[in-house]
C-alpha cells in the first residue's frame, strides 16, 4: 500500500503521532551488565513483588536523561566496595539503552556503575514494601478473628431465625463477603512471603557517601 499525503493527513488529524523513530525506540534489545550479585537479586525481588517485568523496571529507571543525569551526580560519592559481581543479560528498550550509553559517554562513567546506582535506589522501596507486608500480616490476623466471630454470629442467627429471614440473609451476605476479602488479602500476604526472608543488610554492599 502506498502511503499518500491523504493518508498522512488522516493520521495527523487522528492525533496518532506515530513515527519510525518512536517505534524503533520501543524495540527490545539485549545487553549485558556486570553487577553485584545482591543487586541482581534485589531487582528480581522488586519485579516479582510488584508483578512487573524487569524490562519495565529498567525502562523506568534509565529511559529518562534527567533521571540518569541525577544518577550520574552520585557517581563521585559512590564507593562500590569489594563485592562479588557477575555478568547478567537483561532485556530493555532501545531508547533506554541509548540513553544509558549517551549519559555514560557524556559523563565519562561506566554504564555498569550507572545501572548499579540506579538499582540501589530501589532499596527504600524494598524496605517500605517489607514494612507494609508486616502490617498486612497483622491485619490479616485481625480479619480472620473478625471472620470467625461473623461465622459464630451467623450460626447463632440460624438458631434464632429462619434462614429466609432478611436479617439472617443480611448477616450471611456480610460473612461471605468478608470471606472473599480475607481470601484476597491472604493471596497478597502469600505473595509477599519472600520479603520475610530478605536480609536487608546484604543489599547494602557499596555506599553512597553522605546520601
N, C-alpha and C. Protein backbone atom coordinates (compact mmCIF):
# COMPACT_ATOMS: atom_id res chain seq x y z
N UNK A 1 0.84 -1.20 0.00
CA UNK A 1 0.00 0.00 0.00
C UNK A 1 0.87 1.24 0.00
N UNK A 2 0.58 2.17 -0.88
CA UNK A 2 1.33 3.41 -0.97
C UNK A 2 0.73 4.42 -0.01
N UNK A 3 1.58 4.99 0.84
CA UNK A 3 1.12 6.00 1.79
C UNK A 3 1.07 7.34 1.08
N UNK A 4 -0.11 7.87 0.92
CA UNK A 4 -0.29 9.14 0.22
C UNK A 4 -0.35 10.28 1.22
N UNK A 5 -0.33 11.48 0.69
CA UNK A 5 -0.46 12.66 1.54
C UNK A 5 -1.80 12.64 2.27
N UNK A 6 -2.81 12.07 1.60
CA UNK A 6 -4.14 11.99 2.21
C UNK A 6 -4.10 11.10 3.45
N UNK A 7 -3.42 9.93 3.33
CA UNK A 7 -3.30 9.03 4.47
C UNK A 7 -2.58 9.71 5.63
N UNK A 8 -1.51 10.43 5.33
CA UNK A 8 -0.74 11.12 6.37
C UNK A 8 -1.59 12.18 7.05
N UNK A 9 -2.40 12.87 6.24
CA UNK A 9 -3.27 13.91 6.80
C UNK A 9 -4.28 13.30 7.76
N UNK A 10 -4.83 12.13 7.37
CA UNK A 10 -5.79 11.46 8.23
C UNK A 10 -5.14 11.03 9.55
N UNK A 11 -3.91 10.53 9.48
CA UNK A 11 -3.20 10.12 10.69
C UNK A 11 -2.93 11.30 11.60
N UNK A 12 -2.53 12.42 11.00
CA UNK A 12 -2.26 13.62 11.79
C UNK A 12 -3.53 14.12 12.46
N UNK A 13 -4.64 14.08 11.72
CA UNK A 13 -5.91 14.55 12.27
C UNK A 13 -6.35 13.67 13.44
N UNK A 14 -6.03 12.38 13.35
CA UNK A 14 -6.42 11.45 14.42
C UNK A 14 -5.51 11.58 15.64
N UNK A 15 -4.44 12.34 15.49
CA UNK A 15 -3.54 12.53 16.62
C UNK A 15 -2.70 11.32 16.94
N UNK A 16 -2.48 10.46 15.94
CA UNK A 16 -1.73 9.23 16.19
C UNK A 16 -0.27 9.54 16.52
N UNK A 17 0.34 10.39 15.76
CA UNK A 17 1.71 10.81 16.04
C UNK A 17 2.72 9.68 16.02
N UNK A 18 2.49 8.67 15.17
CA UNK A 18 3.42 7.54 15.11
C UNK A 18 4.58 7.89 14.19
N UNK A 19 5.78 7.57 14.61
CA UNK A 19 6.95 7.79 13.77
C UNK A 19 7.83 6.56 13.84
N UNK A 20 8.64 6.38 12.82
CA UNK A 20 9.55 5.24 12.80
C UNK A 20 10.52 5.30 13.97
N UNK A 21 10.97 6.53 14.29
CA UNK A 21 11.93 6.70 15.39
C UNK A 21 11.32 6.24 16.72
N UNK A 22 10.03 6.61 16.94
CA UNK A 22 9.38 6.21 18.19
C UNK A 22 9.23 4.70 18.27
N UNK A 23 8.83 4.10 17.14
CA UNK A 23 8.66 2.65 17.13
C UNK A 23 9.98 1.93 17.37
N UNK A 24 11.05 2.42 16.74
CA UNK A 24 12.35 1.80 16.94
C UNK A 24 12.83 1.98 18.38
N UNK A 25 12.48 3.12 18.98
CA UNK A 25 12.87 3.36 20.36
C UNK A 25 12.25 2.37 21.33
N UNK A 26 11.08 1.83 20.95
CA UNK A 26 10.38 0.87 21.80
C UNK A 26 10.82 -0.57 21.54
N UNK A 27 11.66 -0.77 20.56
CA UNK A 27 12.15 -2.12 20.29
C UNK A 27 12.93 -2.64 21.49
N UNK A 28 12.82 -3.94 21.73
CA UNK A 28 13.55 -4.56 22.83
C UNK A 28 14.92 -5.01 22.36
N UNK A 29 15.91 -4.77 23.19
CA UNK A 29 17.27 -5.19 22.89
C UNK A 29 17.84 -5.89 24.12
N UNK A 30 18.84 -6.72 23.89
CA UNK A 30 19.53 -7.41 25.00
C UNK A 30 20.89 -6.79 25.20
N UNK A 31 21.25 -6.61 26.45
CA UNK A 31 22.58 -6.10 26.75
C UNK A 31 23.03 -6.68 28.08
N UNK A 32 24.32 -6.76 28.27
CA UNK A 32 24.88 -7.39 29.47
C UNK A 32 25.59 -6.37 30.34
N UNK A 33 25.30 -6.42 31.63
CA UNK A 33 25.98 -5.58 32.62
C UNK A 33 26.71 -6.48 33.60
N UNK A 34 27.77 -5.96 34.17
CA UNK A 34 28.47 -6.68 35.24
C UNK A 34 28.06 -6.02 36.55
N UNK A 35 27.29 -6.74 37.34
CA UNK A 35 26.65 -6.13 38.51
C UNK A 35 26.89 -6.95 39.77
N UNK A 36 26.80 -6.30 40.93
CA UNK A 36 26.88 -7.04 42.19
C UNK A 36 25.76 -8.07 42.27
N UNK A 37 26.09 -9.24 42.76
CA UNK A 37 25.11 -10.33 42.83
C UNK A 37 23.89 -9.92 43.65
N UNK A 38 24.13 -9.21 44.75
CA UNK A 38 23.00 -8.85 45.62
C UNK A 38 22.05 -7.86 44.95
N UNK A 39 22.56 -7.03 44.02
CA UNK A 39 21.69 -6.09 43.33
C UNK A 39 20.91 -6.79 42.21
N UNK A 40 21.49 -7.81 41.63
CA UNK A 40 20.75 -8.63 40.65
C UNK A 40 19.55 -9.27 41.36
N UNK A 41 19.79 -9.75 42.57
CA UNK A 41 18.71 -10.35 43.35
C UNK A 41 17.67 -9.31 43.74
N UNK A 42 18.13 -8.13 44.12
CA UNK A 42 17.23 -7.05 44.53
C UNK A 42 16.26 -6.70 43.40
N UNK A 43 16.80 -6.58 42.19
CA UNK A 43 15.96 -6.24 41.04
C UNK A 43 14.89 -7.31 40.82
N UNK A 44 15.29 -8.57 40.97
CA UNK A 44 14.34 -9.67 40.78
C UNK A 44 13.24 -9.67 41.83
N UNK A 45 13.60 -9.37 43.08
CA UNK A 45 12.61 -9.35 44.16
C UNK A 45 11.60 -8.23 43.94
N UNK A 46 12.09 -7.04 43.59
CA UNK A 46 11.19 -5.90 43.36
C UNK A 46 10.24 -6.19 42.20
N UNK A 47 10.77 -6.73 41.12
CA UNK A 47 9.93 -7.05 39.96
C UNK A 47 8.87 -8.07 40.33
N UNK A 48 9.26 -9.09 41.08
CA UNK A 48 8.31 -10.12 41.49
C UNK A 48 7.24 -9.59 42.43
N UNK A 49 7.64 -8.74 43.35
CA UNK A 49 6.70 -8.21 44.34
C UNK A 49 5.63 -7.34 43.69
N UNK A 50 6.02 -6.58 42.67
CA UNK A 50 5.06 -5.68 42.02
C UNK A 50 4.45 -6.29 40.76
N UNK A 51 4.85 -7.51 40.45
CA UNK A 51 4.26 -8.19 39.30
C UNK A 51 4.57 -7.53 37.98
N UNK A 52 5.77 -6.99 37.85
CA UNK A 52 6.17 -6.35 36.59
C UNK A 52 7.42 -7.03 36.04
N UNK A 53 7.65 -6.88 34.76
CA UNK A 53 8.84 -7.43 34.15
C UNK A 53 10.05 -6.56 34.50
N UNK A 54 11.21 -7.19 34.57
CA UNK A 54 12.42 -6.43 34.88
C UNK A 54 12.69 -5.39 33.80
N UNK A 55 12.28 -5.67 32.56
CA UNK A 55 12.41 -4.68 31.48
C UNK A 55 11.68 -3.40 31.83
N UNK A 56 10.47 -3.53 32.39
CA UNK A 56 9.68 -2.36 32.76
C UNK A 56 10.39 -1.54 33.84
N UNK A 57 11.02 -2.25 34.80
CA UNK A 57 11.77 -1.54 35.84
C UNK A 57 12.96 -0.80 35.24
N UNK A 58 13.68 -1.47 34.35
CA UNK A 58 14.83 -0.84 33.71
C UNK A 58 14.41 0.40 32.94
N UNK A 59 13.34 0.28 32.16
CA UNK A 59 12.90 1.41 31.36
C UNK A 59 12.51 2.59 32.25
N UNK A 60 11.90 2.29 33.40
CA UNK A 60 11.52 3.36 34.31
C UNK A 60 12.74 3.99 34.97
N UNK A 61 13.77 3.17 35.21
CA UNK A 61 14.95 3.67 35.91
C UNK A 61 15.87 4.50 35.02
N UNK A 62 16.00 4.10 33.73
CA UNK A 62 17.08 4.69 32.94
C UNK A 62 16.65 5.27 31.59
N UNK A 63 15.35 5.27 31.29
CA UNK A 63 14.94 5.78 29.98
C UNK A 63 15.08 7.29 29.89
N UNK A 64 14.93 7.97 31.03
CA UNK A 64 14.96 9.43 31.05
C UNK A 64 16.38 9.96 31.24
N UNK A 65 16.78 10.90 30.37
CA UNK A 65 18.09 11.55 30.52
C UNK A 65 18.19 12.29 31.84
N UNK A 66 17.08 12.90 32.27
CA UNK A 66 17.09 13.67 33.52
C UNK A 66 17.38 12.75 34.71
N UNK A 67 16.75 11.57 34.70
CA UNK A 67 16.97 10.62 35.80
C UNK A 67 18.42 10.14 35.79
N UNK A 68 18.93 9.82 34.61
CA UNK A 68 20.31 9.35 34.50
C UNK A 68 21.31 10.44 34.87
N UNK A 69 20.98 11.67 34.53
CA UNK A 69 21.85 12.78 34.92
C UNK A 69 21.93 12.87 36.44
N UNK A 70 20.80 12.68 37.08
CA UNK A 70 20.76 12.72 38.55
C UNK A 70 21.60 11.58 39.12
N UNK A 71 21.46 10.39 38.53
CA UNK A 71 22.24 9.23 38.98
C UNK A 71 23.73 9.51 38.80
N UNK A 72 24.09 10.10 37.67
CA UNK A 72 25.50 10.39 37.38
C UNK A 72 26.09 11.33 38.41
N UNK A 73 25.27 12.20 38.99
CA UNK A 73 25.75 13.13 40.01
C UNK A 73 26.21 12.37 41.26
N UNK A 74 25.71 11.17 41.44
CA UNK A 74 26.04 10.38 42.64
C UNK A 74 27.34 9.61 42.48
N UNK A 75 27.81 9.49 41.26
CA UNK A 75 28.96 8.62 40.99
C UNK A 75 30.18 9.02 41.81
N UNK A 76 30.46 10.32 41.89
CA UNK A 76 31.66 10.79 42.60
C UNK A 76 31.64 10.38 44.07
N UNK A 77 30.44 10.26 44.65
CA UNK A 77 30.32 9.91 46.06
C UNK A 77 30.10 8.42 46.29
N UNK A 78 30.10 7.65 45.21
CA UNK A 78 29.76 6.23 45.33
C UNK A 78 31.00 5.38 45.52
N UNK A 79 30.97 4.54 46.54
CA UNK A 79 32.05 3.59 46.81
C UNK A 79 31.51 2.19 46.55
N UNK A 80 31.87 1.59 45.41
CA UNK A 80 31.31 0.28 45.03
C UNK A 80 31.57 -0.82 46.05
N UNK A 81 32.74 -0.81 46.64
CA UNK A 81 33.06 -1.86 47.59
C UNK A 81 33.59 -3.11 46.90
N UNK A 82 34.29 -3.91 47.66
CA UNK A 82 34.88 -5.15 47.13
C UNK A 82 33.87 -6.28 47.28
N UNK A 83 32.93 -6.33 46.34
CA UNK A 83 31.84 -7.30 46.43
C UNK A 83 31.77 -8.12 45.14
N UNK A 84 31.17 -9.29 45.25
CA UNK A 84 31.10 -10.20 44.10
C UNK A 84 30.21 -9.63 42.99
N UNK A 85 30.73 -9.65 41.79
CA UNK A 85 29.96 -9.21 40.62
C UNK A 85 29.95 -10.33 39.58
N UNK A 86 28.91 -10.31 38.76
CA UNK A 86 28.88 -11.27 37.65
C UNK A 86 28.09 -10.68 36.49
N UNK A 87 28.36 -11.16 35.28
CA UNK A 87 27.63 -10.65 34.11
C UNK A 87 26.16 -11.09 34.16
N UNK A 88 25.29 -10.20 33.78
CA UNK A 88 23.86 -10.52 33.73
C UNK A 88 23.25 -9.83 32.51
N UNK A 89 22.59 -10.60 31.68
CA UNK A 89 21.97 -10.05 30.47
C UNK A 89 20.51 -9.70 30.74
N UNK A 90 20.13 -8.49 30.34
CA UNK A 90 18.77 -8.01 30.52
C UNK A 90 18.17 -7.58 29.19
N UNK A 91 16.86 -7.58 29.15
CA UNK A 91 16.12 -7.03 28.01
C UNK A 91 15.62 -5.66 28.42
N UNK A 92 15.85 -4.65 27.59
CA UNK A 92 15.34 -3.31 27.83
C UNK A 92 15.05 -2.65 26.50
N UNK A 93 14.39 -1.51 26.54
CA UNK A 93 14.06 -0.84 25.29
C UNK A 93 15.31 -0.22 24.69
N UNK A 94 15.31 -0.10 23.38
CA UNK A 94 16.45 0.50 22.69
C UNK A 94 16.64 1.93 23.16
N UNK A 95 15.53 2.62 23.42
CA UNK A 95 15.62 4.00 23.90
C UNK A 95 16.35 4.08 25.24
N UNK A 96 16.05 3.14 26.14
CA UNK A 96 16.72 3.13 27.44
C UNK A 96 18.21 2.88 27.28
N UNK A 97 18.57 1.92 26.42
CA UNK A 97 19.98 1.61 26.22
C UNK A 97 20.73 2.79 25.62
N UNK A 98 20.11 3.46 24.65
CA UNK A 98 20.76 4.62 24.03
C UNK A 98 20.94 5.75 25.03
N UNK A 99 19.93 5.95 25.88
CA UNK A 99 20.02 7.00 26.90
C UNK A 99 21.15 6.68 27.87
N UNK A 100 21.23 5.41 28.27
CA UNK A 100 22.29 4.98 29.20
C UNK A 100 23.67 5.19 28.60
N UNK A 101 23.84 4.77 27.36
CA UNK A 101 25.14 4.90 26.71
C UNK A 101 25.51 6.36 26.46
N UNK A 102 24.51 7.18 26.16
CA UNK A 102 24.76 8.60 25.92
C UNK A 102 25.24 9.31 27.20
N UNK A 103 24.56 9.07 28.31
CA UNK A 103 24.95 9.72 29.57
C UNK A 103 26.29 9.18 30.05
N UNK A 104 26.52 7.87 29.88
CA UNK A 104 27.80 7.29 30.28
C UNK A 104 28.95 7.93 29.51
N UNK A 105 28.74 8.16 28.21
CA UNK A 105 29.79 8.78 27.38
C UNK A 105 29.98 10.25 27.75
N UNK A 106 28.88 10.96 27.96
CA UNK A 106 28.96 12.39 28.28
C UNK A 106 29.64 12.61 29.63
N UNK A 107 29.31 11.76 30.60
CA UNK A 107 29.85 11.92 31.96
C UNK A 107 31.14 11.13 32.17
N UNK A 108 31.53 10.35 31.15
CA UNK A 108 32.74 9.53 31.22
C UNK A 108 32.73 8.62 32.45
N UNK A 109 31.63 7.92 32.59
CA UNK A 109 31.49 6.95 33.68
C UNK A 109 31.05 5.62 33.08
N UNK A 110 31.30 4.56 33.81
CA UNK A 110 30.89 3.24 33.37
C UNK A 110 29.37 3.12 33.40
N UNK A 111 28.82 2.55 32.35
CA UNK A 111 27.37 2.36 32.35
C UNK A 111 26.96 1.34 33.41
N UNK A 112 27.88 0.39 33.75
CA UNK A 112 27.59 -0.57 34.80
C UNK A 112 27.37 0.13 36.13
N UNK A 113 28.19 1.14 36.40
CA UNK A 113 28.06 1.89 37.65
C UNK A 113 26.75 2.66 37.67
N UNK A 114 26.36 3.23 36.53
CA UNK A 114 25.08 3.96 36.46
C UNK A 114 23.92 3.01 36.76
N UNK A 115 23.98 1.81 36.21
CA UNK A 115 22.93 0.83 36.46
C UNK A 115 22.96 0.37 37.91
N UNK A 116 24.16 0.18 38.42
CA UNK A 116 24.33 -0.27 39.81
C UNK A 116 23.69 0.72 40.79
N UNK A 117 23.99 2.00 40.59
CA UNK A 117 23.41 3.02 41.47
C UNK A 117 21.90 3.09 41.29
N UNK A 118 21.44 2.97 40.04
CA UNK A 118 20.00 3.02 39.76
C UNK A 118 19.26 1.91 40.50
N UNK A 119 19.84 0.71 40.50
CA UNK A 119 19.19 -0.40 41.20
C UNK A 119 19.22 -0.18 42.71
N UNK A 120 20.34 0.33 43.19
CA UNK A 120 20.45 0.61 44.63
C UNK A 120 19.35 1.56 45.10
N UNK A 121 18.93 2.44 44.22
CA UNK A 121 17.89 3.41 44.59
C UNK A 121 16.52 2.75 44.78
N UNK A 122 16.42 1.48 44.43
CA UNK A 122 15.19 0.73 44.68
C UNK A 122 15.12 0.20 46.11
N UNK A 123 16.25 0.26 46.82
CA UNK A 123 16.30 -0.32 48.16
C UNK A 123 15.24 0.27 49.11
N UNK A 124 15.06 1.61 49.15
CA UNK A 124 14.00 2.15 50.02
C UNK A 124 12.62 1.58 49.69
N UNK A 125 12.39 1.30 48.42
CA UNK A 125 11.12 0.72 48.00
C UNK A 125 10.96 -0.68 48.60
N UNK A 126 12.05 -1.45 48.60
CA UNK A 126 12.01 -2.79 49.18
C UNK A 126 11.74 -2.71 50.68
N UNK A 127 12.41 -1.79 51.35
CA UNK A 127 12.23 -1.63 52.80
C UNK A 127 10.78 -1.25 53.12
N UNK A 128 10.24 -0.32 52.34
CA UNK A 128 8.85 0.11 52.54
C UNK A 128 7.88 -1.05 52.33
N UNK A 129 8.12 -1.84 51.28
CA UNK A 129 7.25 -2.97 50.99
C UNK A 129 7.31 -4.02 52.09
N UNK A 130 8.50 -4.22 52.66
CA UNK A 130 8.60 -5.21 53.74
C UNK A 130 7.83 -4.75 54.97
N UNK A 131 7.91 -3.44 55.24
CA UNK A 131 7.16 -2.88 56.37
C UNK A 131 5.66 -3.02 56.14
N UNK A 132 5.23 -2.76 54.91
CA UNK A 132 3.80 -2.90 54.57
C UNK A 132 3.36 -4.35 54.71
N UNK A 133 4.24 -5.27 54.28
CA UNK A 133 3.91 -6.69 54.38
C UNK A 133 3.70 -7.08 55.83
N UNK A 134 4.56 -6.61 56.71
CA UNK A 134 4.44 -6.93 58.13
C UNK A 134 3.11 -6.44 58.69
N UNK A 135 2.70 -5.26 58.28
CA UNK A 135 1.42 -4.70 58.74
C UNK A 135 0.24 -5.48 58.16
N UNK A 136 0.38 -5.91 56.89
CA UNK A 136 -0.69 -6.69 56.26
C UNK A 136 -0.88 -8.02 56.97
N UNK A 137 0.22 -8.63 57.42
CA UNK A 137 0.13 -9.90 58.14
C UNK A 137 -0.68 -9.71 59.42
N UNK A 138 -0.42 -8.61 60.14
CA UNK A 138 -1.15 -8.33 61.38
C UNK A 138 -2.63 -8.08 61.09
N UNK A 139 -2.89 -7.31 60.04
CA UNK A 139 -4.29 -7.01 59.69
C UNK A 139 -5.02 -8.28 59.28
N UNK A 140 -4.33 -9.17 58.54
CA UNK A 140 -4.95 -10.43 58.13
C UNK A 140 -5.35 -11.25 59.36
N UNK A 141 -4.49 -11.27 60.36
CA UNK A 141 -4.81 -11.99 61.59
C UNK A 141 -6.06 -11.44 62.25
N UNK A 142 -6.17 -10.10 62.28
CA UNK A 142 -7.35 -9.46 62.88
C UNK A 142 -8.60 -9.75 62.05
N UNK A 143 -8.45 -9.74 60.72
CA UNK A 143 -9.59 -10.02 59.86
C UNK A 143 -10.08 -11.46 60.04
N UNK A 144 -9.14 -12.38 60.23
CA UNK A 144 -9.52 -13.79 60.43
C UNK A 144 -10.28 -13.95 61.75
N UNK A 145 -9.85 -13.23 62.79
CA UNK A 145 -10.58 -13.25 64.07
C UNK A 145 -11.99 -12.69 63.88
N UNK A 146 -12.08 -11.60 63.17
CA UNK A 146 -13.35 -10.95 62.91
C UNK A 146 -14.27 -11.90 62.13
N UNK A 147 -13.66 -12.63 61.18
CA UNK A 147 -14.44 -13.55 60.36
C UNK A 147 -14.97 -14.71 61.18
N UNK A 148 -14.17 -15.20 62.12
CA UNK A 148 -14.63 -16.29 62.98
C UNK A 148 -15.83 -15.83 63.82
N UNK A 149 -15.77 -14.60 64.32
CA UNK A 149 -16.89 -14.03 65.06
C UNK A 149 -18.13 -13.93 64.18
N UNK A 150 -17.90 -13.59 62.91
CA UNK A 150 -19.01 -13.49 61.97
C UNK A 150 -19.70 -14.83 61.76
N UNK A 151 -18.90 -15.89 61.66
CA UNK A 151 -19.48 -17.23 61.49
C UNK A 151 -20.24 -17.66 62.76
N UNK A 152 -19.71 -17.27 63.92
CA UNK A 152 -20.41 -17.58 65.17
C UNK A 152 -21.75 -16.86 65.22
N UNK A 153 -21.75 -15.59 64.78
CA UNK A 153 -22.99 -14.82 64.76
C UNK A 153 -23.98 -15.41 63.77
N UNK A 154 -23.48 -15.86 62.62
CA UNK A 154 -24.35 -16.45 61.61
C UNK A 154 -24.99 -17.75 62.13
N UNK A 155 -24.17 -18.55 62.82
CA UNK A 155 -24.70 -19.80 63.39
C UNK A 155 -25.77 -19.51 64.44
N UNK A 156 -25.52 -18.49 65.25
CA UNK A 156 -26.48 -18.10 66.29
C UNK A 156 -27.78 -17.60 65.66
N UNK A 157 -27.62 -16.80 64.60
CA UNK A 157 -28.80 -16.26 63.91
C UNK A 157 -29.60 -17.40 63.28
N UNK A 158 -28.89 -18.44 62.81
CA UNK A 158 -29.57 -19.58 62.21
C UNK A 158 -30.44 -20.33 63.20
N UNK A 159 -30.05 -20.31 64.46
CA UNK A 159 -30.83 -20.98 65.50
C UNK A 159 -32.02 -20.14 65.93
N UNK A 160 -31.86 -18.82 65.87
CA UNK A 160 -32.92 -17.92 66.34
C UNK A 160 -33.91 -17.52 65.25
N UNK A 161 -33.46 -17.56 64.00
CA UNK A 161 -34.28 -17.08 62.90
C UNK A 161 -34.37 -18.13 61.80
N UNK A 162 -35.33 -17.97 60.93
CA UNK A 162 -35.40 -18.82 59.74
C UNK A 162 -34.32 -18.38 58.76
N UNK A 163 -33.84 -19.31 57.93
CA UNK A 163 -32.75 -18.97 57.00
C UNK A 163 -33.20 -18.01 55.91
N UNK A 164 -34.54 -17.90 55.72
CA UNK A 164 -35.03 -16.93 54.74
C UNK A 164 -35.39 -15.60 55.38
N UNK A 165 -35.08 -15.46 56.66
CA UNK A 165 -35.32 -14.19 57.34
C UNK A 165 -34.36 -13.13 56.79
N UNK A 166 -34.84 -11.91 56.54
CA UNK A 166 -33.98 -10.86 55.98
C UNK A 166 -32.73 -10.58 56.81
N UNK A 167 -32.87 -10.67 58.13
CA UNK A 167 -31.71 -10.40 59.00
C UNK A 167 -30.67 -11.50 58.84
N UNK A 168 -31.13 -12.77 58.78
CA UNK A 168 -30.20 -13.89 58.57
C UNK A 168 -29.48 -13.74 57.23
N UNK A 169 -30.24 -13.39 56.20
CA UNK A 169 -29.67 -13.22 54.87
C UNK A 169 -28.64 -12.08 54.86
N UNK A 170 -28.94 -11.02 55.60
CA UNK A 170 -28.02 -9.88 55.67
C UNK A 170 -26.70 -10.30 56.32
N UNK A 171 -26.78 -11.01 57.43
CA UNK A 171 -25.58 -11.47 58.13
C UNK A 171 -24.81 -12.44 57.24
N UNK A 172 -25.53 -13.32 56.55
CA UNK A 172 -24.89 -14.30 55.67
C UNK A 172 -24.10 -13.61 54.57
N UNK A 173 -24.71 -12.59 53.95
CA UNK A 173 -24.01 -11.85 52.89
C UNK A 173 -22.77 -11.17 53.45
N UNK A 174 -22.91 -10.61 54.65
CA UNK A 174 -21.78 -9.93 55.29
C UNK A 174 -20.62 -10.90 55.54
N UNK A 175 -20.96 -12.10 56.04
CA UNK A 175 -19.93 -13.10 56.35
C UNK A 175 -19.22 -13.58 55.08
N UNK A 176 -19.98 -13.87 54.05
CA UNK A 176 -19.36 -14.41 52.84
C UNK A 176 -18.61 -13.34 52.05
N UNK A 177 -19.07 -12.10 52.15
CA UNK A 177 -18.31 -11.01 51.55
C UNK A 177 -16.98 -10.87 52.29
N UNK A 178 -17.02 -11.00 53.62
CA UNK A 178 -15.80 -10.94 54.41
C UNK A 178 -14.83 -12.05 54.04
N UNK A 179 -15.37 -13.24 53.74
CA UNK A 179 -14.51 -14.35 53.35
C UNK A 179 -13.77 -14.05 52.05
N UNK A 180 -14.47 -13.41 51.12
CA UNK A 180 -13.84 -13.05 49.86
C UNK A 180 -12.67 -12.09 50.11
N UNK A 181 -12.88 -11.13 50.99
CA UNK A 181 -11.84 -10.14 51.27
C UNK A 181 -10.66 -10.78 52.01
N UNK A 182 -10.97 -11.72 52.90
CA UNK A 182 -9.89 -12.42 53.62
C UNK A 182 -9.07 -13.24 52.64
N UNK A 183 -9.72 -13.90 51.70
CA UNK A 183 -9.01 -14.68 50.69
C UNK A 183 -8.12 -13.79 49.83
N UNK A 184 -8.65 -12.61 49.49
CA UNK A 184 -7.88 -11.68 48.67
C UNK A 184 -6.63 -11.20 49.40
N UNK A 185 -6.80 -10.85 50.69
CA UNK A 185 -5.65 -10.39 51.47
C UNK A 185 -4.67 -11.54 51.71
N UNK A 186 -5.19 -12.76 51.88
CA UNK A 186 -4.33 -13.92 52.06
C UNK A 186 -3.41 -14.11 50.86
N UNK A 187 -3.96 -13.92 49.66
CA UNK A 187 -3.16 -14.03 48.44
C UNK A 187 -2.08 -12.95 48.40
N UNK A 188 -2.45 -11.73 48.81
CA UNK A 188 -1.49 -10.62 48.82
C UNK A 188 -0.35 -10.92 49.80
N UNK A 189 -0.71 -11.42 50.98
CA UNK A 189 0.29 -11.74 52.00
C UNK A 189 1.19 -12.88 51.53
N UNK A 190 0.59 -13.89 50.89
CA UNK A 190 1.39 -15.02 50.38
C UNK A 190 2.40 -14.54 49.35
N UNK A 191 1.99 -13.60 48.54
CA UNK A 191 2.89 -13.05 47.52
C UNK A 191 4.07 -12.34 48.16
N UNK A 192 3.84 -11.75 49.32
CA UNK A 192 4.91 -11.01 49.99
C UNK A 192 5.73 -11.83 50.96
N UNK A 193 5.46 -13.14 51.04
CA UNK A 193 6.17 -14.01 51.99
C UNK A 193 7.68 -13.95 51.79
N UNK A 194 8.10 -13.80 50.53
CA UNK A 194 9.53 -13.77 50.25
C UNK A 194 10.21 -12.62 50.98
N UNK A 195 9.46 -11.55 51.25
CA UNK A 195 10.04 -10.38 51.92
C UNK A 195 10.43 -10.69 53.35
N UNK A 196 9.78 -11.69 53.97
CA UNK A 196 10.10 -12.05 55.34
C UNK A 196 11.50 -12.63 55.45
N UNK A 197 11.97 -13.23 54.35
CA UNK A 197 13.28 -13.89 54.36
C UNK A 197 14.40 -12.98 53.85
N UNK A 198 14.02 -11.78 53.41
CA UNK A 198 15.02 -10.87 52.85
C UNK A 198 15.89 -10.28 53.95
N UNK A 199 17.19 -10.42 53.78
CA UNK A 199 18.15 -9.80 54.69
C UNK A 199 18.56 -8.46 54.10
N UNK A 200 17.97 -7.38 54.60
CA UNK A 200 18.22 -6.05 54.04
C UNK A 200 19.71 -5.72 54.09
N UNK A 201 20.40 -6.19 55.13
CA UNK A 201 21.82 -5.87 55.29
C UNK A 201 22.67 -6.26 54.10
N UNK A 202 22.32 -7.37 53.45
CA UNK A 202 23.17 -7.83 52.36
C UNK A 202 23.01 -6.99 51.10
N UNK A 203 21.95 -6.16 51.06
CA UNK A 203 21.76 -5.29 49.91
C UNK A 203 22.47 -3.94 50.08
N UNK A 204 23.17 -3.80 51.20
CA UNK A 204 23.84 -2.52 51.48
C UNK A 204 25.28 -2.50 51.03
N UNK A 205 25.70 -3.51 50.26
CA UNK A 205 27.07 -3.50 49.74
C UNK A 205 27.29 -2.30 48.85
N UNK A 206 28.42 -1.63 49.02
CA UNK A 206 28.62 -0.37 48.30
C UNK A 206 27.96 0.73 49.12
N UNK A 207 28.43 1.93 48.97
CA UNK A 207 27.86 3.02 49.76
C UNK A 207 27.89 4.31 48.97
N UNK A 208 26.87 5.14 49.21
CA UNK A 208 26.83 6.48 48.63
C UNK A 208 27.06 7.44 49.78
N UNK A 209 28.27 7.98 49.82
CA UNK A 209 28.68 8.78 50.96
C UNK A 209 27.82 10.03 51.11
N UNK A 210 27.33 10.22 52.33
CA UNK A 210 26.58 11.43 52.62
C UNK A 210 25.21 11.48 51.99
N UNK A 211 24.72 10.36 51.44
CA UNK A 211 23.40 10.38 50.79
C UNK A 211 22.43 9.49 51.56
